[in-house]
Amino acid sequence: MESDNTSSDLAELSTVATQIDELLGRVVDIAEKYHGGDRGDIATRLFEVERSLQGAGRNLQSALRVFG
């Protein structure tokens, strides 16, 4: 029974990892639009979001390795 839960959890967390990667790309695309322009403040905040998402992704990948 625990093996079934582990497999299910691993699959779900893998999906979340993929979503984080997709979000990173979307956030960076928008940040780059504002970088160097009149609204550089938006870019700065979005690049902070990027760093946070990268950290979350690294932590999640670390957790996934524990499942391995």
C-alpha atoms as a PDB file:
ATOM      1  CA  MET A   1       0.000   0.000   0.000  1.00  0.00           C
ATOM      2  CA  GLU A   2       2.782   2.448   0.861  1.00  0.00           C
ATOM      3  CA  SER A   3       4.424   1.739  -2.503  1.00  0.00           C
ATOM      4  CA  ASP A   4       1.222   2.797  -4.285  1.00  0.00           C
ATOM      5  CA  ASN A   5       1.156   6.045  -2.305  1.00  0.00           C
ATOM      6  CA  THR A   6       4.827   6.673  -3.027  1.00  0.00           C
ATOM      7  CA  SER A   7       4.349   6.137  -6.753  1.00  0.00           C
ATOM      8  CA  SER A   8       1.340   8.415  -6.800  1.00  0.00           C
ATOM      9  CA  ASP A   9       3.130  11.097  -4.794  1.00  0.00           C
ATOM     10  CA  LEU A  10       6.208  10.848  -7.001  1.00  0.00           C
ATOM     11  CA  ALA A  11       4.084  11.291 -10.112  1.00  0.00           C
ATOM     12  CA  GLU A  12       2.291  14.289  -8.655  1.00  0.00           C
ATOM     13  CA  LEU A  13       5.518  15.943  -7.497  1.00  0.00           C
ATOM     14  CA  SER A  14       7.082  15.346 -10.899  1.00  0.00           C
ATOM     15  CA  THR A  15       4.141  17.169 -12.439  1.00  0.00           C
ATOM     16  CA  VAL A  16       4.622  20.053 -10.017  1.00  0.00           C
ATOM     17  CA  ALA A  17       8.328  20.203 -10.956  1.00  0.00           C
ATOM     18  CA  THR A  18       7.355  20.494 -14.613  1.00  0.00           C
ATOM     19  CA  GLN A  19       4.874  23.251 -13.781  1.00  0.00           C
ATOM     20  CA  ILE A  20       7.551  25.180 -11.888  1.00  0.00           C
ATOM     21  CA  ASP A  21       9.823  24.991 -14.940  1.00  0.00           C
ATOM     22  CA  GLU A  22       7.015  26.270 -17.145  1.00  0.00           C
ATOM     23  CA  LEU A  23       6.230  29.095 -14.733  1.00  0.00           C
ATOM     24  CA  LEU A  24       9.893  30.086 -14.671  1.00  0.00           C
ATOM     25  CA  GLY A  25       9.902  30.515 -18.419  1.00  0.00           C
ATOM     26  CA  ARG A  26       6.721  32.551 -18.409  1.00  0.00           C
ATOM     27  CA  VAL A  27       7.884  34.842 -15.596  1.00  0.00           C
ATOM     28  CA  VAL A  28      11.267  35.429 -17.256  1.00  0.00           C
ATOM     29  CA  ASP A  29       9.634  36.207 -20.604  1.00  0.00           C
ATOM     30  CA  ILE A  30       7.515  38.909 -18.984  1.00  0.00           C
ATOM     31  CA  ALA A  31      10.394  40.247 -16.863  1.00  0.00           C
ATOM     32  CA  GLU A  32      12.561  40.648 -19.935  1.00  0.00           C
ATOM     33  CA  LYS A  33       9.875  42.773 -21.600  1.00  0.00           C
ATOM     34  CA  TYR A  34      10.160  45.327 -18.784  1.00  0.00           C
ATOM     35  CA  HIS A  35      13.910  45.109 -18.185  1.00  0.00           C
ATOM     36  CA  GLY A  36      15.673  48.324 -19.150  1.00  0.00           C
ATOM     37  CA  GLY A  37      12.444  50.202 -19.741  1.00  0.00           C
ATOM     38  CA  ASP A  38      10.397  52.722 -17.834  1.00  0.00           C
ATOM     39  CA  ARG A  39       8.995  49.958 -15.627  1.00  0.00           C
ATOM     40  CA  GLY A  40      12.222  48.330 -14.572  1.00  0.00           C
ATOM     41  CA  ASP A  41      10.683  47.986 -11.117  1.00  0.00           C
ATOM     42  CA  ILE A  42       8.384  45.312 -12.526  1.00  0.00           C
ATOM     43  CA  ALA A  43      11.342  43.452 -14.023  1.00  0.00           C
ATOM     44  CA  THR A  44      13.216  43.607 -10.720  1.00  0.00           C
ATOM     45  CA  ARG A  45      10.325  42.055  -8.826  1.00  0.00           C
ATOM     46  CA  LEU A  46       9.746  39.409 -11.463  1.00  0.00           C
ATOM     47  CA  PHE A  47      13.430  38.450 -11.424  1.00  0.00           C
ATOM     48  CA  GLU A  48      13.021  38.022  -7.647  1.00  0.00           C
ATOM     49  CA  VAL A  49      10.102  35.699  -8.370  1.00  0.00           C
ATOM     50  CA  GLU A  50      12.341  33.833 -10.808  1.00  0.00           C
ATOM     51  CA  ARG A  51      14.962  33.286  -8.101  1.00  0.00           C
ATOM     52  CA  SER A  52      12.308  32.075  -5.677  1.00  0.00           C
ATOM     53  CA  LEU A  53      10.916  29.638  -8.222  1.00  0.00           C
ATOM     54  CA  GLN A  54      14.423  28.381  -8.984  1.00  0.00           C
ATOM     55  CA  GLY A  55      14.945  27.728  -5.272  1.00  0.00           C
ATOM     56  CA  ALA A  56      11.613  25.959  -5.024  1.00  0.00           C
ATOM     57  CA  GLY A  57      12.507  23.854  -8.049  1.00  0.00           C
ATOM     58  CA  ARG A  58      15.862  22.870  -6.549  1.00  0.00           C
ATOM     59  CA  ASN A  59      14.225  21.913  -3.265  1.00  0.00           C
ATOM     60  CA  LEU A  60      11.588  19.893  -5.051  1.00  0.00           C
ATOM     61  CA  GLN A  61      14.204  18.100  -7.170  1.00  0.00           C
ATOM     62  CA  SER A  62      16.054  17.272  -3.955  1.00  0.00           C
ATOM     63  CA  ALA A  63      12.883  15.807  -2.487  1.00  0.00           C
ATOM     64  CA  LEU A  64      12.305  13.796  -5.658  1.00  0.00           C
ATOM     65  CA  ARG A  65      15.799  12.313  -5.365  1.00  0.00           C
ATOM     66  CA  VAL A  66      14.862  11.030  -1.910  1.00  0.00           C
ATOM     67  CA  PHE A  67      12.060   9.055  -3.562  1.00  0.00           C
ATOM     68  CA  GLY A  68      14.611   7.609  -6.024  1.00  0.00           C
END
